[in-house]
PDB file of N, CA and C in Angstrom:
ATOM      1  N   UNK A   1       0.848  -1.182   0.000  1.00  0.00           N
ATOM      2  CA  UNK A   1       0.000   0.000   0.000  1.00  0.00           C
ATOM      3  C   UNK A   1       0.890   1.241   0.000  1.00  0.00           C
ATOM      4  N   UNK A   2       0.548   2.220  -0.824  1.00  0.00           N
ATOM      5  CA  UNK A   2       1.309   3.459  -0.824  1.00  0.00           C
ATOM      6  C   UNK A   2       0.430   4.601  -0.340  1.00  0.00           C
ATOM      7  N   UNK A   3       1.046   5.567   0.277  1.00  0.00           N
ATOM      8  CA  UNK A   3       0.360   6.781   0.748  1.00  0.00           C
ATOM      9  C   UNK A   3       1.212   7.963   0.346  1.00  0.00           C
ATOM     10  N   UNK A   4       0.552   9.055   0.010  1.00  0.00           N
ATOM     11  CA  UNK A   4       1.289  10.281  -0.239  1.00  0.00           C
ATOM     12  C   UNK A   4       0.550  11.440   0.415  1.00  0.00           C
ATOM     13  N   UNK A   5       1.311  12.427   0.811  1.00  0.00           N
ATOM     14  CA  UNK A   5       0.783  13.650   1.406  1.00  0.00           C
ATOM     15  C   UNK A   5       1.395  14.804   0.637  1.00  0.00           C
ATOM     16  N   UNK A   6       0.551  15.670   0.086  1.00  0.00           N
ATOM     17  CA  UNK A   6       1.018  16.767  -0.743  1.00  0.00           C
ATOM     18  C   UNK A   6       0.372  18.077  -0.303  1.00  0.00           C
ATOM     19  N   UNK A   7       1.100  19.161  -0.490  1.00  0.00           N
ATOM     20  CA  UNK A   7       0.549  20.499  -0.304  1.00  0.00           C
ATOM     21  C   UNK A   7       0.781  21.231  -1.611  1.00  0.00           C
ATOM     22  N   UNK A   8      -0.276  21.793  -2.174  1.00  0.00           N
ATOM     23  CA  UNK A   8      -0.127  22.493  -3.428  1.00  0.00           C
ATOM     24  C   UNK A   8      -1.270  23.432  -3.711  1.00  0.00           C
ATOM     25  N   UNK A   9      -1.115  24.148  -4.804  1.00  0.00           N
ATOM     26  CA  UNK A   9      -2.104  25.123  -5.242  1.00  0.00           C
ATOM     27  C   UNK A   9      -2.850  24.558  -6.449  1.00  0.00           C
ATOM     28  N   UNK A  10      -4.168  24.624  -6.426  1.00  0.00           N
ATOM     29  CA  UNK A  10      -4.972  24.152  -7.551  1.00  0.00           C
ATOM     30  C   UNK A  10      -4.757  25.111  -8.719  1.00  0.00           C
ATOM     31  N   UNK A  11      -4.294  24.564  -9.849  1.00  0.00           N
ATOM     32  CA  UNK A  11      -3.971  25.428 -10.992  1.00  0.00           C
ATOM     33  C   UNK A  11      -4.901  25.211 -12.181  1.00  0.00           C
ATOM     34  N   UNK A  12      -5.856  24.309 -12.061  1.00  0.00           N
ATOM     35  CA  UNK A  12      -6.773  24.062 -13.168  1.00  0.00           C
ATOM     36  C   UNK A  12      -8.213  24.114 -12.673  1.00  0.00           C
ATOM     37  N   UNK A  13      -9.099  24.226 -13.619  1.00  0.00           N
ATOM     38  CA  UNK A  13     -10.520  24.133 -13.297  1.00  0.00           C
ATOM     39  C   UNK A  13     -10.803  22.702 -12.839  1.00  0.00           C
ATOM     40  N   UNK A  14     -11.714  22.541 -11.896  1.00  0.00           N
ATOM     41  CA  UNK A  14     -12.060  21.201 -11.419  1.00  0.00           C
ATOM     42  C   UNK A  14     -13.070  20.603 -12.385  1.00  0.00           C
ATOM     43  N   UNK A  15     -12.658  19.547 -13.053  1.00  0.00           N
ATOM     44  CA  UNK A  15     -13.483  18.908 -14.077  1.00  0.00           C
ATOM     45  C   UNK A  15     -14.322  17.807 -13.426  1.00  0.00           C
ATOM     46  N   UNK A  16     -15.631  17.945 -13.532  1.00  0.00           N
ATOM     47  CA  UNK A  16     -16.569  16.977 -12.954  1.00  0.00           C
ATOM     48  C   UNK A  16     -17.180  16.164 -14.085  1.00  0.00           C
ATOM     49  N   UNK A  17     -17.272  14.856 -13.879  1.00  0.00           N
ATOM     50  CA  UNK A  17     -17.797  13.967 -14.912  1.00  0.00           C
ATOM     51  C   UNK A  17     -18.512  12.790 -14.276  1.00  0.00           C
ATOM     52  N   UNK A  18     -19.257  12.064 -15.086  1.00  0.00           N
ATOM     53  CA  UNK A  18     -19.833  10.796 -14.661  1.00  0.00           C
ATOM     54  C   UNK A  18     -19.198   9.684 -15.466  1.00  0.00           C
ATOM     55  N   UNK A  19     -18.887   8.585 -14.787  1.00  0.00           N
ATOM     56  CA  UNK A  19     -18.345   7.402 -15.429  1.00  0.00           C
ATOM     57  C   UNK A  19     -19.386   6.307 -15.276  1.00  0.00           C
ATOM     58  N   UNK A  20     -19.703   5.639 -16.362  1.00  0.00           N
ATOM     59  CA  UNK A  20     -20.688   4.558 -16.289  1.00  0.00           C
ATOM     60  C   UNK A  20     -19.946   3.274 -15.957  1.00  0.00           C
ATOM     61  N   UNK A  21     -20.329   2.656 -14.851  1.00  0.00           N
ATOM     62  CA  UNK A  21     -19.641   1.424 -14.424  1.00  0.00           C
ATOM     63  C   UNK A  21     -20.222   0.225 -15.151  1.00  0.00           C
ATOM     64  N   UNK A  22     -19.558  -0.888 -15.043  1.00  0.00           N
ATOM     65  CA  UNK A  22     -19.982  -2.116 -15.704  1.00  0.00           C
ATOM     66  C   UNK A  22     -21.134  -2.817 -14.998  1.00  0.00           C
ATOM     67  N   UNK A  23     -21.389  -2.486 -13.751  1.00  0.00           N
ATOM     68  CA  UNK A  23     -22.421  -3.182 -12.972  1.00  0.00           C
ATOM     69  C   UNK A  23     -23.753  -2.464 -13.107  1.00  0.00           C
ATOM     70  N   UNK A  24     -24.556  -2.900 -14.061  1.00  0.00           N
ATOM     71  CA  UNK A  24     -25.914  -2.380 -14.273  1.00  0.00           C
ATOM     72  C   UNK A  24     -25.945  -0.875 -14.497  1.00  0.00           C
ATOM     73  N   UNK A  25     -24.966  -0.360 -15.200  1.00  0.00           N
ATOM     74  CA  UNK A  25     -24.861   1.053 -15.588  1.00  0.00           C
ATOM     75  C   UNK A  25     -25.058   2.045 -14.443  1.00  0.00           C
ATOM     76  N   UNK A  26     -24.441   1.768 -13.302  1.00  0.00           N
ATOM     77  CA  UNK A  26     -24.450   2.736 -12.203  1.00  0.00           C
ATOM     78  C   UNK A  26     -23.588   3.923 -12.599  1.00  0.00           C
ATOM     79  N   UNK A  27     -24.088   5.117 -12.349  1.00  0.00           N
ATOM     80  CA  UNK A  27     -23.283   6.300 -12.627  1.00  0.00           C
ATOM     81  C   UNK A  27     -22.401   6.589 -11.431  1.00  0.00           C
ATOM     82  N   UNK A  28     -21.149   6.848 -11.701  1.00  0.00           N
ATOM     83  CA  UNK A  28     -20.187   7.167 -10.658  1.00  0.00           C
ATOM     84  C   UNK A  28     -19.628   8.554 -10.971  1.00  0.00           C
ATOM     85  N   UNK A  29     -19.653   9.438  -9.986  1.00  0.00           N
ATOM     86  CA  UNK A  29     -19.090  10.770 -10.224  1.00  0.00           C
ATOM     87  C   UNK A  29     -17.569  10.716 -10.094  1.00  0.00           C
ATOM     88  N   UNK A  30     -16.913  11.566 -10.875  1.00  0.00           N
ATOM     89  CA  UNK A  30     -15.452  11.600 -10.908  1.00  0.00           C
ATOM     90  C   UNK A  30     -15.018  13.045 -11.133  1.00  0.00           C
ATOM     91  N   UNK A  31     -13.977  13.464 -10.434  1.00  0.00           N
ATOM     92  CA  UNK A  31     -13.388  14.777 -10.679  1.00  0.00           C
ATOM     93  C   UNK A  31     -11.911  14.596 -10.989  1.00  0.00           C
ATOM     94  N   UNK A  32     -11.378  15.589 -11.657  1.00  0.00           N
ATOM     95  CA  UNK A  32      -9.929  15.643 -11.849  1.00  0.00           C
ATOM     96  C   UNK A  32      -9.510  17.104 -11.891  1.00  0.00           C
ATOM     97  N   UNK A  33      -8.339  17.353 -11.332  1.00  0.00           N
ATOM     98  CA  UNK A  33      -7.753  18.683 -11.376  1.00  0.00           C
ATOM     99  C   UNK A  33      -6.258  18.546 -11.157  1.00  0.00           C
ATOM    100  N   UNK A  34      -5.543  19.638 -11.381  1.00  0.00           N
ATOM    101  CA  UNK A  34      -4.092  19.628 -11.243  1.00  0.00           C
ATOM    102  C   UNK A  34      -3.676  20.580 -10.129  1.00  0.00           C
ATOM    103  N   UNK A  35      -2.650  20.176  -9.390  1.00  0.00           N
ATOM    104  CA  UNK A  35      -2.063  21.059  -8.381  1.00  0.00           C
ATOM    105  C   UNK A  35      -0.595  21.282  -8.717  1.00  0.00           C
ATOM    106  N   UNK A  36      -0.103  22.432  -8.296  1.00  0.00           N
ATOM    107  CA  UNK A  36       1.313  22.760  -8.469  1.00  0.00           C
ATOM    108  C   UNK A  36       1.949  22.796  -7.095  1.00  0.00           C
ATOM    109  N   UNK A  37       3.009  22.027  -6.924  1.00  0.00           N
ATOM    110  CA  UNK A  37       3.728  21.971  -5.665  1.00  0.00           C
ATOM    111  C   UNK A  37       4.712  23.132  -5.579  1.00  0.00           C
ATOM    112  N   UNK A  38       5.264  23.337  -4.400  1.00  0.00           N
ATOM    113  CA  UNK A  38       6.218  24.436  -4.195  1.00  0.00           C
ATOM    114  C   UNK A  38       7.464  24.288  -5.065  1.00  0.00           C
ATOM    115  N   UNK A  39       7.839  23.046  -5.384  1.00  0.00           N
ATOM    116  CA  UNK A  39       9.010  22.809  -6.243  1.00  0.00           C
ATOM    117  C   UNK A  39       8.651  22.849  -7.734  1.00  0.00           C
ATOM    118  N   UNK A  40       7.441  23.342  -8.050  1.00  0.00           N
ATOM    119  CA  UNK A  40       6.933  23.519  -9.411  1.00  0.00           C
ATOM    120  C   UNK A  40       6.526  22.234 -10.130  1.00  0.00           C
ATOM    121  N   UNK A  41       6.529  21.088  -9.462  1.00  0.00           N
ATOM    122  CA  UNK A  41       5.974  19.873 -10.055  1.00  0.00           C
ATOM    123  C   UNK A  41       4.463  20.019 -10.148  1.00  0.00           C
ATOM    124  N   UNK A  42       3.892  19.466 -11.214  1.00  0.00           N
ATOM    125  CA  UNK A  42       2.446  19.493 -11.405  1.00  0.00           C
ATOM    126  C   UNK A  42       1.923  18.067 -11.298  1.00  0.00           C
ATOM    127  N   UNK A  43       0.909  17.877 -10.461  1.00  0.00           N
ATOM    128  CA  UNK A  43       0.369  16.557 -10.160  1.00  0.00           C
ATOM    129  C   UNK A  43      -1.120  16.523 -10.510  1.00  0.00           C
ATOM    130  N   UNK A  44      -1.542  15.441 -11.164  1.00  0.00           N
ATOM    131  CA  UNK A  44      -2.964  15.251 -11.471  1.00  0.00           C
ATOM    132  C   UNK A  44      -3.637  14.558 -10.285  1.00  0.00           C
ATOM    133  N   UNK A  45      -4.756  15.127  -9.841  1.00  0.00           N
ATOM    134  CA  UNK A  45      -5.515  14.593  -8.718  1.00  0.00           C
ATOM    135  C   UNK A  45      -6.861  14.103  -9.244  1.00  0.00           C
ATOM    136  N   UNK A  46      -7.283  12.910  -8.803  1.00  0.00           N
ATOM    137  CA  UNK A  46      -8.598  12.387  -9.170  1.00  0.00           C
ATOM    138  C   UNK A  46      -9.312  11.906  -7.914  1.00  0.00           C
ATOM    139  N   UNK A  47     -10.636  11.924  -7.967  1.00  0.00           N
ATOM    140  CA  UNK A  47     -11.452  11.417  -6.858  1.00  0.00           C
ATOM    141  C   UNK A  47     -12.766  10.897  -7.416  1.00  0.00           C
ATOM    142  N   UNK A  48     -13.405  10.013  -6.672  1.00  0.00           N
ATOM    143  CA  UNK A  48     -14.636   9.372  -7.115  1.00  0.00           C
ATOM    144  C   UNK A  48     -15.744   9.500  -6.070  1.00  0.00           C
ATOM    145  N   UNK A  49     -16.961   9.350  -6.556  1.00  0.00           N
ATOM    146  CA  UNK A  49     -18.176   9.258  -5.744  1.00  0.00           C
ATOM    147  C   UNK A  49     -18.371  10.435  -4.792  1.00  0.00           C
ATOM    148  N   UNK A  50     -18.653  10.165  -3.522  1.00  0.00           N
ATOM    149  CA  UNK A  50     -18.973  11.223  -2.567  1.00  0.00           C
ATOM    150  C   UNK A  50     -17.827  12.221  -2.399  1.00  0.00           C
ATOM    151  N   UNK A  51     -16.613  11.725  -2.415  1.00  0.00           N
ATOM    152  CA  UNK A  51     -15.460  12.619  -2.287  1.00  0.00           C
ATOM    153  C   UNK A  51     -15.342  13.543  -3.504  1.00  0.00           C
ATOM    154  N   UNK A  52     -15.666  13.028  -4.673  1.00  0.00           N
ATOM    155  CA  UNK A  52     -15.668  13.863  -5.882  1.00  0.00           C
ATOM    156  C   UNK A  52     -16.728  14.956  -5.766  1.00  0.00           C
ATOM    157  N   UNK A  53     -17.892  14.600  -5.277  1.00  0.00           N
ATOM    158  CA  UNK A  53     -18.960  15.589  -5.092  1.00  0.00           C
ATOM    159  C   UNK A  53     -18.532  16.671  -4.105  1.00  0.00           C
ATOM    160  N   UNK A  54     -17.893  16.255  -3.005  1.00  0.00           N
ATOM    161  CA  UNK A  54     -17.437  17.211  -1.991  1.00  0.00           C
ATOM    162  C   UNK A  54     -16.375  18.150  -2.570  1.00  0.00           C
ATOM    163  N   UNK A  55     -15.443  17.614  -3.337  1.00  0.00           N
ATOM    164  CA  UNK A  55     -14.410  18.441  -3.970  1.00  0.00           C
ATOM    165  C   UNK A  55     -15.036  19.465  -4.898  1.00  0.00           C
ATOM    166  N   UNK A  56     -15.997  19.023  -5.697  1.00  0.00           N
ATOM    167  CA  UNK A  56     -16.622  19.928  -6.662  1.00  0.00           C
ATOM    168  C   UNK A  56     -17.363  21.060  -5.956  1.00  0.00           C
ATOM    169  N   UNK A  57     -17.976  20.764  -4.822  1.00  0.00           N
ATOM    170  CA  UNK A  57     -18.706  21.783  -4.059  1.00  0.00           C
ATOM    171  C   UNK A  57     -17.774  22.745  -3.333  1.00  0.00           C
ATOM    172  N   UNK A  58     -16.660  22.242  -2.794  1.00  0.00           N
ATOM    173  CA  UNK A  58     -15.857  23.025  -1.860  1.00  0.00           C
ATOM    174  C   UNK A  58     -14.567  23.622  -2.411  1.00  0.00           C
ATOM    175  N   UNK A  59     -14.028  23.064  -3.487  1.00  0.00           N
ATOM    176  CA  UNK A  59     -12.725  23.525  -3.968  1.00  0.00           C
ATOM    177  C   UNK A  59     -12.854  24.463  -5.161  1.00  0.00           C
ATOM    178  N   UNK A  60     -11.894  25.377  -5.270  1.00  0.00           N
ATOM    179  CA  UNK A  60     -11.845  26.308  -6.380  1.00  0.00           C
ATOM    180  C   UNK A  60     -10.399  26.455  -6.847  1.00  0.00           C
ATOM    181  N   UNK A  61     -10.267  26.889  -8.087  1.00  0.00           N
ATOM    182  CA  UNK A  61      -8.943  27.161  -8.643  1.00  0.00           C
ATOM    183  C   UNK A  61      -8.254  28.217  -7.783  1.00  0.00           C
ATOM    184  N   UNK A  62      -6.937  28.096  -7.634  1.00  0.00           N
ATOM    185  CA  UNK A  62      -6.075  29.000  -6.866  1.00  0.00           C
ATOM    186  C   UNK A  62      -6.069  28.718  -5.358  1.00  0.00           C
ATOM    187  N   UNK A  63      -6.856  27.764  -4.879  1.00  0.00           N
ATOM    188  CA  UNK A  63      -6.824  27.425  -3.452  1.00  0.00           C
ATOM    189  C   UNK A  63      -5.603  26.577  -3.138  1.00  0.00           C
ATOM    190  N   UNK A  64      -5.093  26.727  -1.915  1.00  0.00           N
ATOM    191  CA  UNK A  64      -4.005  25.895  -1.409  1.00  0.00           C
ATOM    192  C   UNK A  64      -4.645  24.766  -0.609  1.00  0.00           C
ATOM    193  N   UNK A  65      -4.249  23.526  -0.918  1.00  0.00           N
ATOM    194  CA  UNK A  65      -4.839  22.382  -0.225  1.00  0.00           C
ATOM    195  C   UNK A  65      -3.758  21.391   0.210  1.00  0.00           C
ATOM    196  N   UNK A  66      -4.103  20.642   1.245  1.00  0.00           N
ATOM    197  CA  UNK A  66      -3.302  19.495   1.685  1.00  0.00           C
ATOM    198  C   UNK A  66      -4.058  18.259   1.225  1.00  0.00           C
ATOM    199  N   UNK A  67      -3.343  17.337   0.610  1.00  0.00           N
ATOM    200  CA  UNK A  67      -3.963  16.142   0.050  1.00  0.00           C
ATOM    201  C   UNK A  67      -3.341  14.893   0.652  1.00  0.00           C
ATOM    202  N   UNK A  68      -4.206  13.942   0.990  1.00  0.00           N
ATOM    203  CA  UNK A  68      -3.765  12.600   1.350  1.00  0.00           C
ATOM    204  C   UNK A  68      -4.343  11.669   0.298  1.00  0.00           C
ATOM    205  N   UNK A  69      -3.501  10.812  -0.265  1.00  0.00           N
ATOM    206  CA  UNK A  69      -4.001   9.926  -1.301  1.00  0.00           C
ATOM    207  C   UNK A  69      -3.054   8.792  -1.606  1.00  0.00           C
ATOM    208  N   UNK A  70      -3.325   8.131  -2.731  1.00  0.00           N
ATOM    209  CA  UNK A  70      -2.514   7.017  -3.219  1.00  0.00           C
ATOM    210  C   UNK A  70      -2.092   7.313  -4.647  1.00  0.00           C
ATOM    211  N   UNK A  71      -0.897   6.934  -5.004  1.00  0.00           N
ATOM    212  CA  UNK A  71      -0.432   7.091  -6.381  1.00  0.00           C
ATOM    213  C   UNK A  71      -0.823   5.834  -7.151  1.00  0.00           C
ATOM    214  N   UNK A  72      -1.568   6.021  -8.253  1.00  0.00           N
ATOM    215  CA  UNK A  72      -1.985   4.856  -9.038  1.00  0.00           C
ATOM    216  C   UNK A  72      -0.939   4.526 -10.104  1.00  0.00           C
ATOM    217  N   UNK A  73      -1.224   3.537 -10.912  1.00  0.00           N
ATOM    218  CA  UNK A  73      -0.255   3.075 -11.907  1.00  0.00           C
ATOM    219  C   UNK A  73      -0.021   4.087 -13.025  1.00  0.00           C
ATOM    220  N   UNK A  74      -0.908   5.057 -13.185  1.00  0.00           N
ATOM    221  CA  UNK A  74      -0.734   6.095 -14.205  1.00  0.00           C
ATOM    222  C   UNK A  74       0.009   7.315 -13.675  1.00  0.00           C
ATOM    223  N   UNK A  75       0.393   7.279 -12.400  1.00  0.00           N
ATOM    224  CA  UNK A  75       1.093   8.406 -11.795  1.00  0.00           C
ATOM    225  C   UNK A  75       0.173   9.492 -11.273  1.00  0.00           C
ATOM    226  N   UNK A  76      -1.122   9.226 -11.270  1.00  0.00           N
ATOM    227  CA  UNK A  76      -2.098  10.169 -10.727  1.00  0.00           C
ATOM    228  C   UNK A  76      -2.263   9.907  -9.235  1.00  0.00           C
ATOM    229  N   UNK A  77      -2.696  10.912  -8.506  1.00  0.00           N
ATOM    230  CA  UNK A  77      -2.970  10.730  -7.087  1.00  0.00           C
ATOM    231  C   UNK A  77      -4.472  10.560  -6.910  1.00  0.00           C
ATOM    232  N   UNK A  78      -4.870   9.413  -6.367  1.00  0.00           N
ATOM    233  CA  UNK A  78      -6.274   9.153  -6.050  1.00  0.00           C
ATOM    234  C   UNK A  78      -6.537   9.704  -4.657  1.00  0.00           C
ATOM    235  N   UNK A  79      -7.347  10.725  -4.611  1.00  0.00           N
ATOM    236  CA  UNK A  79      -7.615  11.468  -3.391  1.00  0.00           C
ATOM    237  C   UNK A  79      -8.351  10.614  -2.366  1.00  0.00           C
ATOM    238  N   UNK A  80      -7.889  10.684  -1.114  1.00  0.00           N
ATOM    239  CA  UNK A  80      -8.575  10.025  -0.004  1.00  0.00           C
ATOM    240  C   UNK A  80      -9.140  11.042   0.973  1.00  0.00           C
ATOM    241  N   UNK A  81      -8.443  12.173   1.117  1.00  0.00           N
ATOM    242  CA  UNK A  81      -8.874  13.217   2.037  1.00  0.00           C
ATOM    243  C   UNK A  81      -8.169  14.517   1.658  1.00  0.00           C
ATOM    244  N   UNK A  82      -8.822  15.650   1.948  1.00  0.00           N
ATOM    245  CA  UNK A  82      -8.191  16.941   1.656  1.00  0.00           C
ATOM    246  C   UNK A  82      -8.582  17.962   2.716  1.00  0.00           C
ATOM    247  N   UNK A  83      -7.719  18.971   2.861  1.00  0.00           N
ATOM    248  CA  UNK A  83      -7.954  20.094   3.764  1.00  0.00           C
ATOM    249  C   UNK A  83      -7.554  21.357   3.042  1.00  0.00           C
ATOM    250  N   UNK A  84      -8.345  22.402   3.175  1.00  0.00           N
ATOM    251  CA  UNK A  84      -8.029  23.690   2.544  1.00  0.00           C
ATOM    252  C   UNK A  84      -7.203  24.541   3.490  1.00  0.00           C
ATOM    253  N   UNK A  85      -6.265  25.295   2.915  1.00  0.00           N
ATOM    254  CA  UNK A  85      -5.429  26.233   3.661  1.00  0.00           C
ATOM    255  C   UNK A  85      -5.649  27.637   3.126  1.00  0.00           C
ATOM    256  N   UNK A  86      -5.170  28.609   3.839  1.00  0.00           N
ATOM    257  CA  UNK A  86      -5.148  29.969   3.316  1.00  0.00           C
ATOM    258  C   UNK A  86      -4.045  30.037   2.264  1.00  0.00           C
ATOM    259  N   UNK A  87      -4.138  30.976   1.341  1.00  0.00           N
ATOM    260  CA  UNK A  87      -3.131  31.115   0.284  1.00  0.00           C
ATOM    261  C   UNK A  87      -1.811  31.607   0.867  1.00  0.00           C
ATOM    262  N   UNK A  88      -0.903  30.661   1.131  1.00  0.00           N
ATOM    263  CA  UNK A  88       0.384  31.006   1.748  1.00  0.00           C
ATOM    264  C   UNK A  88       1.566  30.633   0.875  1.00  0.00           C
ATOM    265  N   UNK A  89       1.391  29.887  -0.207  1.00  0.00           N
ATOM    266  CA  UNK A  89       2.531  29.476  -1.045  1.00  0.00           C
ATOM    267  C   UNK A  89       2.884  30.546  -2.030  1.00  0.00           C
TER     268      UNK A  89
END
């Protein structure tokens, strides 16, 4: 199991989408956005279901956030939890 903790600034619009699953066409919500770390690395963040809905409601471009997640095989961070900070970076 891998875990990562990141602090960065949201630099893209939060893209909200629905993904149709294979099990009786259940709709699953999905978001994706990019953050820029202090060392200028750019990381793609994704989240699903209730967490995706919460991100879409609460997060905006230019916000500073702390992220806890997992790195998947594509190098994206699958969000598990987030906290918003004041713009300090």
